[in-house]
């Protein structure tokens, strides 16, 4: 199973690519909460999985939300904790 991980991308690279795609050139330590939110939303859209509750209102699906939360936890733990993104059920 670990040999399959060779094809995976590091979360730091995912964030860097998202920042380039949205034209954000700030250093990581200068990012605001709004910047982090924009990056995470872009990554969710990049996951390319939508639920169509209404034909004209696509919403990010569970896979996309999972990717957003995982990347946020690994790359922006302060933001994750500040906005209480963990849900203990």
PDB file of N, CA and C in Angstrom:
ATOM      1  N   UNK A   1       0.827  -1.205   0.000  1.00  0.00           N
ATOM      2  CA  UNK A   1       0.000   0.000   0.000  1.00  0.00           C
ATOM      3  C   UNK A   1       0.866   1.261   0.000  1.00  0.00           C
ATOM      4  N   UNK A   2       1.992   1.262   0.686  1.00  0.00           N
ATOM      5  CA  UNK A   2       2.800   2.471   0.760  1.00  0.00           C
ATOM      6  C   UNK A   2       3.394   2.858  -0.580  1.00  0.00           C
ATOM      7  N   UNK A   3       3.576   1.900  -1.491  1.00  0.00           N
ATOM      8  CA  UNK A   3       4.103   2.268  -2.804  1.00  0.00           C
ATOM      9  C   UNK A   3       3.123   3.147  -3.569  1.00  0.00           C
ATOM     10  N   UNK A   4       1.849   3.066  -3.246  1.00  0.00           N
ATOM     11  CA  UNK A   4       0.848   3.921  -3.885  1.00  0.00           C
ATOM     12  C   UNK A   4       1.018   5.383  -3.475  1.00  0.00           C
ATOM     13  N   UNK A   5       1.654   5.643  -2.360  1.00  0.00           N
ATOM     14  CA  UNK A   5       1.815   7.010  -1.871  1.00  0.00           C
ATOM     15  C   UNK A   5       2.813   7.813  -2.695  1.00  0.00           C
ATOM     16  N   UNK A   6       3.578   7.139  -3.541  1.00  0.00           N
ATOM     17  CA  UNK A   6       4.521   7.854  -4.402  1.00  0.00           C
ATOM     18  C   UNK A   6       3.816   8.793  -5.366  1.00  0.00           C
ATOM     19  N   UNK A   7       2.563   8.501  -5.686  1.00  0.00           N
ATOM     20  CA  UNK A   7       1.797   9.316  -6.623  1.00  0.00           C
ATOM     21  C   UNK A   7       1.033  10.448  -5.935  1.00  0.00           C
ATOM     22  N   UNK A   8       1.073  10.521  -4.625  1.00  0.00           N
ATOM     23  CA  UNK A   8       0.328  11.531  -3.881  1.00  0.00           C
ATOM     24  C   UNK A   8       1.130  12.818  -3.785  1.00  0.00           C
ATOM     25  N   UNK A   9       0.420  13.908  -3.624  1.00  0.00           N
ATOM     26  CA  UNK A   9       1.048  15.218  -3.520  1.00  0.00           C
ATOM     27  C   UNK A   9       1.096  15.648  -2.059  1.00  0.00           C
ATOM     28  N   UNK A  10       2.185  16.248  -1.668  1.00  0.00           N
ATOM     29  CA  UNK A  10       2.328  16.782  -0.320  1.00  0.00           C
ATOM     30  C   UNK A  10       1.362  17.957  -0.147  1.00  0.00           C
ATOM     31  N   UNK A  11       0.789  18.100   1.041  1.00  0.00           N
ATOM     32  CA  UNK A  11      -0.185  19.177   1.264  1.00  0.00           C
ATOM     33  C   UNK A  11       0.428  20.555   1.084  1.00  0.00           C
ATOM     34  N   UNK A  12       1.698  20.692   1.383  1.00  0.00           N
ATOM     35  CA  UNK A  12       2.371  21.975   1.179  1.00  0.00           C
ATOM     36  C   UNK A  12       2.385  22.355  -0.301  1.00  0.00           C
ATOM     37  N   UNK A  13       2.560  21.366  -1.158  1.00  0.00           N
ATOM     38  CA  UNK A  13       2.553  21.609  -2.604  1.00  0.00           C
ATOM     39  C   UNK A  13       1.140  21.962  -3.075  1.00  0.00           C
ATOM     40  N   UNK A  14       0.147  21.296  -2.514  1.00  0.00           N
ATOM     41  CA  UNK A  14      -1.249  21.597  -2.878  1.00  0.00           C
ATOM     42  C   UNK A  14      -1.570  23.053  -2.565  1.00  0.00           C
ATOM     43  N   UNK A  15      -1.174  23.513  -1.385  1.00  0.00           N
ATOM     44  CA  UNK A  15      -1.426  24.904  -0.994  1.00  0.00           C
ATOM     45  C   UNK A  15      -0.661  25.856  -1.912  1.00  0.00           C
ATOM     46  N   UNK A  16       0.599  25.542  -2.191  1.00  0.00           N
ATOM     47  CA  UNK A  16       1.410  26.409  -3.060  1.00  0.00           C
ATOM     48  C   UNK A  16       0.795  26.506  -4.459  1.00  0.00           C
ATOM     49  N   UNK A  17       0.331  25.399  -5.009  1.00  0.00           N
ATOM     50  CA  UNK A  17      -0.296  25.419  -6.331  1.00  0.00           C
ATOM     51  C   UNK A  17      -1.602  26.217  -6.323  1.00  0.00           C
ATOM     52  N   UNK A  18      -2.374  26.061  -5.254  1.00  0.00           N
ATOM     53  CA  UNK A  18      -3.625  26.824  -5.136  1.00  0.00           C
ATOM     54  C   UNK A  18      -3.331  28.313  -5.079  1.00  0.00           C
ATOM     55  N   UNK A  19      -2.307  28.688  -4.321  1.00  0.00           N
ATOM     56  CA  UNK A  19      -1.952  30.101  -4.208  1.00  0.00           C
ATOM     57  C   UNK A  19      -1.519  30.667  -5.557  1.00  0.00           C
ATOM     58  N   UNK A  20      -0.759  29.915  -6.320  1.00  0.00           N
ATOM     59  CA  UNK A  20      -0.347  30.363  -7.654  1.00  0.00           C
ATOM     60  C   UNK A  20      -1.565  30.512  -8.554  1.00  0.00           C
ATOM     61  N   UNK A  21      -2.453  29.525  -8.524  1.00  0.00           N
ATOM     62  CA  UNK A  21      -3.640  29.556  -9.389  1.00  0.00           C
ATOM     63  C   UNK A  21      -4.547  30.746  -9.103  1.00  0.00           C
ATOM     64  N   UNK A  22      -4.664  31.132  -7.837  1.00  0.00           N
ATOM     65  CA  UNK A  22      -5.550  32.262  -7.516  1.00  0.00           C
ATOM     66  C   UNK A  22      -4.795  33.590  -7.484  1.00  0.00           C
ATOM     67  N   UNK A  23      -3.503  33.551  -7.815  1.00  0.00           N
ATOM     68  CA  UNK A  23      -2.723  34.782  -7.913  1.00  0.00           C
ATOM     69  C   UNK A  23      -2.325  35.383  -6.582  1.00  0.00           C
ATOM     70  N   UNK A  24      -2.155  34.546  -5.570  1.00  0.00           N
ATOM     71  CA  UNK A  24      -1.792  35.029  -4.247  1.00  0.00           C
ATOM     72  C   UNK A  24      -0.283  34.853  -4.072  1.00  0.00           C
ATOM     73  N   UNK A  25       0.415  35.961  -3.855  1.00  0.00           N
ATOM     74  CA  UNK A  25       1.881  35.898  -3.779  1.00  0.00           C
ATOM     75  C   UNK A  25       2.423  36.275  -2.399  1.00  0.00           C
ATOM     76  N   UNK A  26       1.581  36.255  -1.397  1.00  0.00           N
ATOM     77  CA  UNK A  26       2.017  36.572  -0.037  1.00  0.00           C
ATOM     78  C   UNK A  26       2.833  35.420   0.533  1.00  0.00           C
ATOM     79  N   UNK A  27       3.756  35.727   1.450  1.00  0.00           N
ATOM     80  CA  UNK A  27       4.410  34.636   2.168  1.00  0.00           C
ATOM     81  C   UNK A  27       3.395  33.952   3.098  1.00  0.00           C
ATOM     82  N   UNK A  28       3.638  32.695   3.387  1.00  0.00           N
ATOM     83  CA  UNK A  28       2.686  31.916   4.193  1.00  0.00           C
ATOM     84  C   UNK A  28       2.416  32.554   5.556  1.00  0.00           C
ATOM     85  N   UNK A  29       3.420  33.142   6.175  1.00  0.00           N
ATOM     86  CA  UNK A  29       3.220  33.715   7.506  1.00  0.00           C
ATOM     87  C   UNK A  29       2.456  35.040   7.476  1.00  0.00           C
ATOM     88  N   UNK A  30       2.200  35.582   6.293  1.00  0.00           N
ATOM     89  CA  UNK A  30       1.455  36.840   6.170  1.00  0.00           C
ATOM     90  C   UNK A  30       0.003  36.615   5.752  1.00  0.00           C
ATOM     91  N   UNK A  31      -0.416  35.365   5.630  1.00  0.00           N
ATOM     92  CA  UNK A  31      -1.784  35.081   5.200  1.00  0.00           C
ATOM     93  C   UNK A  31      -2.788  35.435   6.291  1.00  0.00           C
ATOM     94  N   UNK A  32      -3.869  36.063   5.889  1.00  0.00           N
ATOM     95  CA  UNK A  32      -4.959  36.381   6.814  1.00  0.00           C
ATOM     96  C   UNK A  32      -5.950  35.219   6.824  1.00  0.00           C
ATOM     97  N   UNK A  33      -6.925  35.290   7.718  1.00  0.00           N
ATOM     98  CA  UNK A  33      -7.974  34.264   7.742  1.00  0.00           C
ATOM     99  C   UNK A  33      -8.740  34.247   6.427  1.00  0.00           C
ATOM    100  N   UNK A  34      -8.976  35.414   5.851  1.00  0.00           N
ATOM    101  CA  UNK A  34      -9.689  35.494   4.572  1.00  0.00           C
ATOM    102  C   UNK A  34      -8.883  34.818   3.459  1.00  0.00           C
ATOM    103  N   UNK A  35      -7.558  34.982   3.493  1.00  0.00           N
ATOM    104  CA  UNK A  35      -6.701  34.331   2.502  1.00  0.00           C
ATOM    105  C   UNK A  35      -6.769  32.810   2.644  1.00  0.00           C
ATOM    106  N   UNK A  36      -6.682  32.345   3.887  1.00  0.00           N
ATOM    107  CA  UNK A  36      -6.740  30.901   4.145  1.00  0.00           C
ATOM    108  C   UNK A  36      -8.076  30.339   3.681  1.00  0.00           C
ATOM    109  N   UNK A  37      -9.148  31.055   3.959  1.00  0.00           N
ATOM    110  CA  UNK A  37     -10.479  30.614   3.537  1.00  0.00           C
ATOM    111  C   UNK A  37     -10.555  30.520   2.011  1.00  0.00           C
ATOM    112  N   UNK A  38     -10.002  31.502   1.344  1.00  0.00           N
ATOM    113  CA  UNK A  38     -10.012  31.516  -0.121  1.00  0.00           C
ATOM    114  C   UNK A  38      -9.211  30.334  -0.680  1.00  0.00           C
ATOM    115  N   UNK A  39      -8.070  30.057  -0.086  1.00  0.00           N
ATOM    116  CA  UNK A  39      -7.239  28.931  -0.519  1.00  0.00           C
ATOM    117  C   UNK A  39      -7.975  27.611  -0.306  1.00  0.00           C
ATOM    118  N   UNK A  40      -8.573  27.437   0.860  1.00  0.00           N
ATOM    119  CA  UNK A  40      -9.276  26.185   1.163  1.00  0.00           C
ATOM    120  C   UNK A  40     -10.475  25.986   0.237  1.00  0.00           C
ATOM    121  N   UNK A  41     -11.197  27.050  -0.033  1.00  0.00           N
ATOM    122  CA  UNK A  41     -12.346  26.946  -0.934  1.00  0.00           C
ATOM    123  C   UNK A  41     -11.881  26.564  -2.338  1.00  0.00           C
ATOM    124  N   UNK A  42     -10.793  27.143  -2.776  1.00  0.00           N
ATOM    125  CA  UNK A  42     -10.256  26.809  -4.098  1.00  0.00           C
ATOM    126  C   UNK A  42      -9.850  25.335  -4.160  1.00  0.00           C
ATOM    127  N   UNK A  43      -9.213  24.852  -3.095  1.00  0.00           N
ATOM    128  CA  UNK A  43      -8.816  23.443  -3.051  1.00  0.00           C
ATOM    129  C   UNK A  43     -10.049  22.541  -3.095  1.00  0.00           C
ATOM    130  N   UNK A  44     -11.111  22.936  -2.414  1.00  0.00           N
ATOM    131  CA  UNK A  44     -12.356  22.171  -2.461  1.00  0.00           C
ATOM    132  C   UNK A  44     -12.934  22.110  -3.868  1.00  0.00           C
ATOM    133  N   UNK A  45     -12.881  23.216  -4.577  1.00  0.00           N
ATOM    134  CA  UNK A  45     -13.355  23.226  -5.960  1.00  0.00           C
ATOM    135  C   UNK A  45     -12.439  22.402  -6.848  1.00  0.00           C
ATOM    136  N   UNK A  46     -11.164  22.418  -6.547  1.00  0.00           N
ATOM    137  CA  UNK A  46     -10.160  21.662  -7.291  1.00  0.00           C
ATOM    138  C   UNK A  46     -10.390  20.162  -7.142  1.00  0.00           C
ATOM    139  N   UNK A  47     -10.983  19.743  -6.027  1.00  0.00           N
ATOM    140  CA  UNK A  47     -11.265  18.328  -5.786  1.00  0.00           C
ATOM    141  C   UNK A  47     -12.290  17.801  -6.794  1.00  0.00           C
ATOM    142  N   UNK A  48     -12.993  18.716  -7.447  1.00  0.00           N
ATOM    143  CA  UNK A  48     -13.867  18.372  -8.571  1.00  0.00           C
ATOM    144  C   UNK A  48     -14.969  17.384  -8.198  1.00  0.00           C
ATOM    145  N   UNK A  49     -15.635  17.624  -7.096  1.00  0.00           N
ATOM    146  CA  UNK A  49     -16.737  16.777  -6.691  1.00  0.00           C
ATOM    147  C   UNK A  49     -17.839  17.663  -6.126  1.00  0.00           C
ATOM    148  N   UNK A  50     -18.955  17.680  -6.783  1.00  0.00           N
ATOM    149  CA  UNK A  50     -20.069  18.527  -6.389  1.00  0.00           C
ATOM    150  C   UNK A  50     -21.318  17.700  -6.159  1.00  0.00           C
ATOM    151  N   UNK A  51     -22.156  18.153  -5.252  1.00  0.00           N
ATOM    152  CA  UNK A  51     -23.500  17.613  -5.079  1.00  0.00           C
ATOM    153  C   UNK A  51     -24.449  18.650  -5.652  1.00  0.00           C
ATOM    154  N   UNK A  52     -25.361  18.220  -6.496  1.00  0.00           N
ATOM    155  CA  UNK A  52     -26.317  19.144  -7.093  1.00  0.00           C
ATOM    156  C   UNK A  52     -27.658  18.990  -6.377  1.00  0.00           C
ATOM    157  N   UNK A  53     -27.826  19.780  -5.326  1.00  0.00           N
ATOM    158  CA  UNK A  53     -29.071  19.774  -4.566  1.00  0.00           C
ATOM    159  C   UNK A  53     -30.167  20.392  -5.417  1.00  0.00           C
ATOM    160  N   UNK A  54     -29.813  21.422  -6.138  1.00  0.00           N
ATOM    161  CA  UNK A  54     -30.696  22.116  -7.058  1.00  0.00           C
ATOM    162  C   UNK A  54     -29.903  22.265  -8.349  1.00  0.00           C
ATOM    163  N   UNK A  55     -30.546  22.152  -9.514  1.00  0.00           N
ATOM    164  CA  UNK A  55     -29.780  22.197 -10.767  1.00  0.00           C
ATOM    165  C   UNK A  55     -28.868  23.405 -10.934  1.00  0.00           C
ATOM    166  N   UNK A  56     -29.210  24.520 -10.346  1.00  0.00           N
ATOM    167  CA  UNK A  56     -28.404  25.736 -10.505  1.00  0.00           C
ATOM    168  C   UNK A  56     -27.620  26.087  -9.257  1.00  0.00           C
ATOM    169  N   UNK A  57     -27.545  25.168  -8.307  1.00  0.00           N
ATOM    170  CA  UNK A  57     -26.875  25.446  -7.037  1.00  0.00           C
ATOM    171  C   UNK A  57     -25.958  24.282  -6.650  1.00  0.00           C
ATOM    172  N   UNK A  58     -24.791  24.163  -7.310  1.00  0.00           N
ATOM    173  CA  UNK A  58     -23.895  23.074  -6.919  1.00  0.00           C
ATOM    174  C   UNK A  58     -23.245  23.349  -5.565  1.00  0.00           C
ATOM    175  N   UNK A  59     -23.066  22.308  -4.800  1.00  0.00           N
ATOM    176  CA  UNK A  59     -22.404  22.417  -3.504  1.00  0.00           C
ATOM    177  C   UNK A  59     -21.258  21.422  -3.470  1.00  0.00           C
ATOM    178  N   UNK A  60     -20.208  21.767  -2.740  1.00  0.00           N
ATOM    179  CA  UNK A  60     -19.092  20.849  -2.606  1.00  0.00           C
ATOM    180  C   UNK A  60     -19.556  19.581  -1.896  1.00  0.00           C
ATOM    181  N   UNK A  61     -19.125  18.434  -2.411  1.00  0.00           N
ATOM    182  CA  UNK A  61     -19.503  17.159  -1.821  1.00  0.00           C
ATOM    183  C   UNK A  61     -18.611  16.782  -0.645  1.00  0.00           C
ATOM    184  N   UNK A  62     -18.879  15.606  -0.065  1.00  0.00           N
ATOM    185  CA  UNK A  62     -18.160  15.166   1.127  1.00  0.00           C
ATOM    186  C   UNK A  62     -16.671  14.952   0.872  1.00  0.00           C
ATOM    187  N   UNK A  63     -16.306  14.439  -0.298  1.00  0.00           N
ATOM    188  CA  UNK A  63     -14.887  14.239  -0.612  1.00  0.00           C
ATOM    189  C   UNK A  63     -14.160  15.574  -0.639  1.00  0.00           C
ATOM    190  N   UNK A  64     -14.739  16.553  -1.307  1.00  0.00           N
ATOM    191  CA  UNK A  64     -14.121  17.884  -1.405  1.00  0.00           C
ATOM    192  C   UNK A  64     -13.992  18.525  -0.025  1.00  0.00           C
ATOM    193  N   UNK A  65     -15.008  18.401   0.790  1.00  0.00           N
ATOM    194  CA  UNK A  65     -14.964  18.961   2.142  1.00  0.00           C
ATOM    195  C   UNK A  65     -13.895  18.250   2.970  1.00  0.00           C
ATOM    196  N   UNK A  66     -13.784  16.950   2.800  1.00  0.00           N
ATOM    197  CA  UNK A  66     -12.757  16.190   3.507  1.00  0.00           C
ATOM    198  C   UNK A  66     -11.353  16.627   3.122  1.00  0.00           C
ATOM    199  N   UNK A  67     -11.132  16.878   1.833  1.00  0.00           N
ATOM    200  CA  UNK A  67      -9.829  17.355   1.365  1.00  0.00           C
ATOM    201  C   UNK A  67      -9.539  18.734   1.967  1.00  0.00           C
ATOM    202  N   UNK A  68     -10.529  19.614   1.932  1.00  0.00           N
ATOM    203  CA  UNK A  68     -10.351  20.953   2.487  1.00  0.00           C
ATOM    204  C   UNK A  68      -9.978  20.892   3.966  1.00  0.00           C
ATOM    205  N   UNK A  69     -10.697  20.101   4.736  1.00  0.00           N
ATOM    206  CA  UNK A  69     -10.445  20.014   6.172  1.00  0.00           C
ATOM    207  C   UNK A  69      -9.096  19.379   6.477  1.00  0.00           C
ATOM    208  N   UNK A  70      -8.733  18.349   5.716  1.00  0.00           N
ATOM    209  CA  UNK A  70      -7.453  17.684   5.944  1.00  0.00           C
ATOM    210  C   UNK A  70      -6.289  18.613   5.645  1.00  0.00           C
ATOM    211  N   UNK A  71      -6.336  19.280   4.503  1.00  0.00           N
ATOM    212  CA  UNK A  71      -5.260  20.199   4.135  1.00  0.00           C
ATOM    213  C   UNK A  71      -5.198  21.357   5.135  1.00  0.00           C
ATOM    214  N   UNK A  72      -6.343  21.849   5.537  1.00  0.00           N
ATOM    215  CA  UNK A  72      -6.389  22.958   6.503  1.00  0.00           C
ATOM    216  C   UNK A  72      -5.765  22.526   7.832  1.00  0.00           C
ATOM    217  N   UNK A  73      -6.107  21.344   8.313  1.00  0.00           N
ATOM    218  CA  UNK A  73      -5.553  20.854   9.572  1.00  0.00           C
ATOM    219  C   UNK A  73      -4.039  20.700   9.496  1.00  0.00           C
ATOM    220  N   UNK A  74      -3.546  20.171   8.383  1.00  0.00           N
ATOM    221  CA  UNK A  74      -2.111  19.916   8.256  1.00  0.00           C
ATOM    222  C   UNK A  74      -1.297  21.174   7.971  1.00  0.00           C
ATOM    223  N   UNK A  75      -1.866  22.114   7.233  1.00  0.00           N
ATOM    224  CA  UNK A  75      -1.109  23.296   6.818  1.00  0.00           C
ATOM    225  C   UNK A  75      -1.425  24.553   7.612  1.00  0.00           C
ATOM    226  N   UNK A  76      -2.641  24.658   8.142  1.00  0.00           N
ATOM    227  CA  UNK A  76      -3.053  25.845   8.902  1.00  0.00           C
ATOM    228  C   UNK A  76      -3.740  25.425  10.204  1.00  0.00           C
ATOM    229  N   UNK A  77      -3.012  24.754  11.101  1.00  0.00           N
ATOM    230  CA  UNK A  77      -3.659  24.241  12.321  1.00  0.00           C
ATOM    231  C   UNK A  77      -4.249  25.331  13.221  1.00  0.00           C
ATOM    232  N   UNK A  78      -3.640  26.526  13.219  1.00  0.00           N
ATOM    233  CA  UNK A  78      -4.185  27.614  14.047  1.00  0.00           C
ATOM    234  C   UNK A  78      -5.561  28.046  13.531  1.00  0.00           C
ATOM    235  N   UNK A  79      -5.693  28.140  12.213  1.00  0.00           N
ATOM    236  CA  UNK A  79      -6.981  28.503  11.600  1.00  0.00           C
ATOM    237  C   UNK A  79      -8.015  27.418  11.915  1.00  0.00           C
ATOM    238  N   UNK A  80      -7.614  26.173  11.773  1.00  0.00           N
ATOM    239  CA  UNK A  80      -8.497  25.026  12.026  1.00  0.00           C
ATOM    240  C   UNK A  80      -9.028  25.071  13.455  1.00  0.00           C
ATOM    241  N   UNK A  81      -8.129  25.327  14.397  1.00  0.00           N
ATOM    242  CA  UNK A  81      -8.533  25.378  15.797  1.00  0.00           C
ATOM    243  C   UNK A  81      -9.346  26.632  16.098  1.00  0.00           C
ATOM    244  N   UNK A  82      -8.917  27.775  15.584  1.00  0.00           N
ATOM    245  CA  UNK A  82      -9.598  29.048  15.843  1.00  0.00           C
ATOM    246  C   UNK A  82     -11.059  29.007  15.408  1.00  0.00           C
ATOM    247  N   UNK A  83     -11.311  28.382  14.268  1.00  0.00           N
ATOM    248  CA  UNK A  83     -12.676  28.343  13.724  1.00  0.00           C
ATOM    249  C   UNK A  83     -13.418  27.055  14.081  1.00  0.00           C
ATOM    250  N   UNK A  84     -12.833  26.281  14.999  1.00  0.00           N
ATOM    251  CA  UNK A  84     -13.461  25.068  15.538  1.00  0.00           C
ATOM    252  C   UNK A  84     -14.003  24.161  14.438  1.00  0.00           C
ATOM    253  N   UNK A  85     -13.118  23.802  13.508  1.00  0.00           N
ATOM    254  CA  UNK A  85     -13.524  22.982  12.366  1.00  0.00           C
ATOM    255  C   UNK A  85     -13.636  21.509  12.693  1.00  0.00           C
ATOM    256  N   UNK A  86     -13.119  21.073  13.821  1.00  0.00           N
ATOM    257  CA  UNK A  86     -13.258  19.681  14.239  1.00  0.00           C
ATOM    258  C   UNK A  86     -14.632  19.482  14.861  1.00  0.00           C
ATOM    259  N   UNK A  87     -15.264  18.372  14.497  1.00  0.00           N
ATOM    260  CA  UNK A  87     -16.559  18.043  15.078  1.00  0.00           C
ATOM    261  C   UNK A  87     -16.454  16.655  15.687  1.00  0.00           C
ATOM    262  N   UNK A  88     -16.626  16.575  16.963  1.00  0.00           N
ATOM    263  CA  UNK A  88     -16.550  15.302  17.654  1.00  0.00           C
ATOM    264  C   UNK A  88     -17.952  14.761  17.824  1.00  0.00           C
ATOM    265  N   UNK A  89     -18.219  13.663  17.154  1.00  0.00           N
ATOM    266  CA  UNK A  89     -19.577  13.058  17.217  1.00  0.00           C
ATOM    267  C   UNK A  89     -19.566  11.829  18.082  1.00  0.00           C
TER     268      UNK A  89
END
